[in-house]
């Protein structure tokens, strides 16, 4: 099945991209759970950014904070620094976790959203998260099919974790990253595949911490999402 443009007509006004990406992550997790060995689990995580959340953000001049302990009159001093900060950005991912007396991240599949690409602070937040996963030794796959905004996540991520290494500059792409430590030396192995509208999606290697590799069948889960959500592809 060819890759469609979910951010332009005729699909954009008839199916929400949020529903599509959420379902794609869910079916990807299901597909991985069918082949993961005992002790591993794939969990989809979706957190879409909300511009204003009156329930969680403080308003200037609001009620005073409660004392730290009952009967205490202590209150925090004024901060030395107050500056703009990106607290969160969209998260549409599948985490592959391993039970080691507690759940430990073995790998992650990141589905890029438009909000990840809409401003420098959000690009930075996305890149920082991906770089953190790699530095922790987790495998990583990024899938970017967002045509609404331009970014170069693969190029920028490699510039951060592998300075001086040339990288492809495709706006639509999927890439797999495997941190490896051999004989005391750390390396990063990379598989990159440009994506194009009208073309099928590839199967990517998904490397788990510890050396296990699984096929990430993007075409299979994408096609299933199209069919289950009844995405109107006529004329797309």
Protein backbone atom coordinates (compact mmCIF):
# COMPACT_ATOMS: atom_id res chain seq x y z
CA UNK A 1 0.00 0.00 0.00
CA UNK A 2 1.43 3.44 -0.89
CA UNK A 3 2.15 6.09 1.73
CA UNK A 4 -0.62 8.69 1.72
CA UNK A 5 -0.55 12.33 2.78
CA UNK A 6 -2.57 12.45 6.00
CA UNK A 7 -2.02 16.21 6.42
CA UNK A 8 -3.48 17.43 3.11
CA UNK A 9 -6.76 17.01 1.25
CA UNK A 10 -8.64 14.84 0.56
CA UNK A 11 -7.73 12.89 3.70
CA UNK A 12 -6.99 15.70 6.17
CA UNK A 13 -10.56 16.95 6.53
CA UNK A 14 -12.09 13.46 6.62
CA UNK A 15 -9.83 11.69 9.13
CA UNK A 16 -7.89 13.19 12.03
CA UNK A 17 -4.16 12.51 11.87
CA UNK A 18 -4.17 12.16 15.67
CA UNK A 19 -6.47 9.13 15.45
CA UNK A 20 -4.35 7.63 12.70
CA UNK A 21 -1.02 8.05 14.50
CA UNK A 22 -2.47 6.80 17.79
CA UNK A 23 -3.84 3.69 16.10
CA UNK A 24 -0.62 3.13 14.15
CA UNK A 25 1.35 3.14 17.40
CA UNK A 26 -1.15 0.74 18.98
CA UNK A 27 -1.03 -1.75 16.10
CA UNK A 28 2.77 -1.49 16.04
CA UNK A 29 2.87 -2.42 19.73
CA UNK A 30 0.47 -5.31 19.11
CA UNK A 31 2.58 -6.58 16.23
CA UNK A 32 5.75 -6.45 18.33
CA UNK A 33 4.09 -8.19 21.27
CA UNK A 34 3.34 -11.12 18.94
CA UNK A 35 7.08 -11.69 18.34
CA UNK A 36 8.79 -10.39 21.49
CA UNK A 37 10.33 -13.10 23.69
CA UNK A 38 9.25 -13.73 27.26
CA UNK A 39 10.21 -10.93 29.61
CA UNK A 40 9.61 -8.13 27.09
CA UNK A 41 6.52 -6.03 26.42
CA UNK A 42 5.70 -3.28 23.91
CA UNK A 43 3.54 -0.43 25.21
CA UNK A 44 2.11 2.43 23.12
CA UNK A 45 2.34 5.87 24.70
CA UNK A 46 0.44 8.88 23.36
CA UNK A 47 0.58 12.33 24.93
CA UNK A 48 -0.63 15.21 22.80
CA UNK A 49 0.44 18.71 23.78
CA UNK A 50 -2.21 21.02 25.25
CA UNK A 51 -1.53 24.73 24.93
CA UNK A 52 -3.45 25.79 28.05
CA UNK A 53 -4.24 23.59 31.02
CA UNK A 54 -5.93 25.63 33.73
CA UNK A 55 -5.96 22.68 36.11
CA UNK A 56 -2.19 22.29 36.28
CA UNK A 57 -0.62 25.67 35.54
CA UNK A 58 -0.31 28.29 38.25
CA UNK A 59 -1.72 31.77 37.74
CA UNK A 60 0.10 34.83 39.12
CA UNK A 61 -1.61 36.12 42.24
CA UNK A 62 -3.26 32.78 42.93
CA UNK A 63 -3.76 31.24 46.35
CA UNK A 64 -0.64 30.81 48.51
CA UNK A 65 1.07 27.46 48.55
CA UNK A 66 0.36 25.15 51.46
CA UNK A 67 3.07 24.95 54.14
CA UNK A 68 5.62 22.19 53.67
CA UNK A 69 4.55 20.54 56.94
CA UNK A 70 1.55 21.08 59.20
CA UNK A 71 2.14 23.98 61.52
CA UNK A 72 5.13 25.26 59.57
CA UNK A 73 5.28 28.87 58.43
CA UNK A 74 8.02 28.17 55.90
CA UNK A 75 7.46 29.26 52.31
CA UNK A 76 9.82 29.00 49.32
CA UNK A 77 11.89 32.04 48.41
CA UNK A 78 11.48 33.84 45.09
CA UNK A 79 13.27 32.07 42.22
CA UNK A 80 16.60 33.45 41.02
CA UNK A 81 15.73 32.64 37.40
CA UNK A 82 12.44 32.65 35.50
CA UNK A 83 12.65 31.90 31.77
CA UNK A 84 10.56 30.33 28.99
CA UNK A 85 10.75 26.53 29.02
CA UNK A 86 9.19 23.81 26.86
CA UNK A 87 7.73 21.43 29.44
CA UNK A 88 6.51 18.86 26.94
CA UNK A 89 5.79 18.21 23.30
CA UNK A 90 3.75 15.55 21.53
CA UNK A 91 4.69 11.98 22.36
CA UNK A 92 3.52 9.21 20.03
CA UNK A 93 5.76 6.26 20.66
CA UNK A 94 6.02 2.58 21.36
CA UNK A 95 8.31 1.64 24.22
CA UNK A 96 9.75 -1.86 24.35
CA UNK A 97 10.40 -2.71 27.98
CA UNK A 98 12.28 -5.56 29.59
CA UNK A 99 11.50 -6.86 33.06
CA UNK A 100 14.74 -6.85 35.04
CA UNK A 101 13.22 -6.75 38.51
CA UNK A 102 11.52 -3.63 37.16
CA UNK A 103 10.72 -2.39 33.68
CA UNK A 104 13.79 -1.11 31.79
CA UNK A 105 13.64 0.60 28.40
CA UNK A 106 15.08 -1.68 25.71
CA UNK A 107 14.01 0.29 22.63
CA UNK A 108 11.57 2.91 21.38
CA UNK A 109 9.73 3.65 18.15
CA UNK A 110 9.02 7.36 17.70
CA UNK A 111 6.23 8.57 15.38
CA UNK A 112 6.85 12.24 14.59
CA UNK A 113 3.89 14.61 15.00
CA UNK A 114 3.38 18.09 13.52
CA UNK A 115 3.91 19.66 16.95
CA UNK A 116 7.35 18.07 17.17
CA UNK A 117 8.29 20.20 14.15
CA UNK A 118 6.40 23.46 14.67
CA UNK A 119 8.96 25.53 16.64
CA UNK A 120 12.63 25.35 17.62
CA UNK A 121 11.88 24.52 21.27
CA UNK A 122 9.78 21.50 20.26
CA UNK A 123 12.42 20.29 17.82
CA UNK A 124 14.96 20.56 20.63
CA UNK A 125 12.73 18.64 23.06
CA UNK A 126 12.23 15.82 20.57
CA UNK A 127 15.92 15.57 19.72
CA UNK A 128 16.89 15.64 23.40
CA UNK A 129 14.56 12.75 24.17
CA UNK A 130 15.91 10.66 21.28
CA UNK A 131 19.52 11.41 22.21
CA UNK A 132 18.81 10.46 25.82
CA UNK A 133 17.40 7.09 24.75
CA UNK A 134 20.54 6.38 22.70
CA UNK A 135 22.88 7.43 25.50
CA UNK A 136 21.00 5.05 27.78
CA UNK A 137 21.82 2.21 25.38
CA UNK A 138 18.27 1.74 24.04
CA UNK A 139 17.57 1.01 20.40
CA UNK A 140 15.58 3.63 18.51
CA UNK A 141 13.52 3.94 15.34
CA UNK A 142 12.11 7.27 14.12
CA UNK A 143 9.26 7.43 11.60
CA UNK A 144 8.50 10.83 10.07
CA UNK A 145 5.63 11.02 7.56
CA UNK A 146 4.55 14.57 8.51
CA UNK A 147 4.27 16.68 5.35
CA UNK A 148 2.71 19.66 7.10
CA UNK A 149 6.00 21.08 8.39
CA UNK A 150 9.65 20.61 7.50
CA UNK A 151 12.41 19.38 9.78
CA UNK A 152 15.53 17.26 9.47
CA UNK A 153 15.49 15.10 12.57
CA UNK A 154 17.86 12.42 11.27
CA UNK A 155 20.52 14.93 10.26
CA UNK A 156 20.15 16.93 13.46
CA UNK A 157 20.16 13.88 15.74
CA UNK A 158 23.37 12.55 14.22
CA UNK A 159 24.94 16.01 14.47
CA UNK A 160 24.23 15.84 18.18
CA UNK A 161 25.36 12.29 18.97
CA UNK A 162 27.95 11.81 16.17
CA UNK A 163 29.44 15.26 15.46
CA UNK A 164 31.21 15.43 12.13
CA UNK A 165 29.44 12.42 10.59
CA UNK A 166 27.63 13.20 7.34
CA UNK A 167 23.91 12.36 7.34
CA UNK A 168 21.07 12.26 4.84
CA UNK A 169 18.82 15.31 4.82
CA UNK A 170 15.43 13.82 3.92
CA UNK A 171 12.34 15.45 5.44
CA UNK A 172 10.30 12.24 5.27
CA UNK A 173 12.26 9.24 6.48
CA UNK A 174 12.59 6.35 8.83
CA UNK A 175 15.83 5.49 10.58
CA UNK A 176 17.02 2.86 13.01
CA UNK A 177 19.78 3.46 15.56
CA UNK A 178 21.67 0.86 17.57
CA UNK A 179 24.08 1.87 20.36
CA UNK A 180 26.76 -0.82 20.70
CA UNK A 181 29.58 -1.25 23.20
CA UNK A 182 32.38 -3.63 22.19
CA UNK A 183 35.73 -4.05 23.91
CA UNK A 184 35.19 -0.87 25.88
CA UNK A 185 34.37 1.23 22.80
CA UNK A 186 30.93 2.70 22.09
CA UNK A 187 29.62 2.98 18.54
CA UNK A 188 26.30 3.83 16.94
CA UNK A 189 25.04 1.78 14.01
CA UNK A 190 22.53 3.53 11.75
CA UNK A 191 20.05 2.39 9.10
CA UNK A 192 18.34 5.21 7.16
CA UNK A 193 15.58 5.01 4.57
CA UNK A 194 13.99 8.02 2.82
CA UNK A 195 10.20 7.88 2.50
CA UNK A 196 8.07 9.19 -0.34
CA UNK A 197 4.35 9.61 -0.89
CA UNK A 198 3.02 6.90 -3.15
CA UNK A 199 5.72 4.43 -2.13
CA UNK A 200 5.49 1.50 0.25
CA UNK A 201 7.02 1.63 3.71
CA UNK A 202 10.05 -0.52 4.52
CA UNK A 203 10.71 -3.07 7.24
CA UNK A 204 13.30 -1.64 9.63
CA UNK A 205 15.60 -3.38 12.10
CA UNK A 206 14.53 -2.65 15.68
CA UNK A 207 17.46 -3.34 17.97
CA UNK A 208 16.80 -4.00 21.64
CA UNK A 209 19.28 -3.30 24.39
CA UNK A 210 21.37 -6.45 24.72
CA UNK A 211 21.57 -7.34 21.01
CA UNK A 212 18.20 -8.80 20.05
CA UNK A 213 16.87 -7.51 16.71
CA UNK A 214 13.24 -7.59 15.56
CA UNK A 215 11.67 -6.66 12.20
CA UNK A 216 9.62 -3.48 12.50
CA UNK A 217 7.06 -4.04 9.75
CA UNK A 218 5.91 -0.50 9.03
CA UNK A 219 4.02 -1.40 5.86
CA UNK A 220 1.99 -4.11 7.58
CA UNK A 221 0.90 -1.94 10.51
CA UNK A 222 0.31 1.09 8.27
CA UNK A 223 -1.96 -0.91 5.95
CA UNK A 224 -3.88 -2.30 8.90
CA UNK A 225 -4.41 1.20 10.30
CA UNK A 226 -5.70 2.42 6.94
CA UNK A 227 -8.20 -0.45 6.74
CA UNK A 228 -9.42 -0.46 10.36
CA UNK A 229 -9.97 3.31 10.42
CA UNK A 230 -11.52 3.19 6.95
CA UNK A 231 -9.29 6.01 5.72
CA UNK A 232 -10.71 7.35 2.44
CA UNK A 233 -7.85 6.92 -0.03
CA UNK A 234 -9.78 7.38 -3.28
CA UNK A 235 -8.22 10.29 -5.08
CA UNK A 236 -5.48 10.67 -2.48
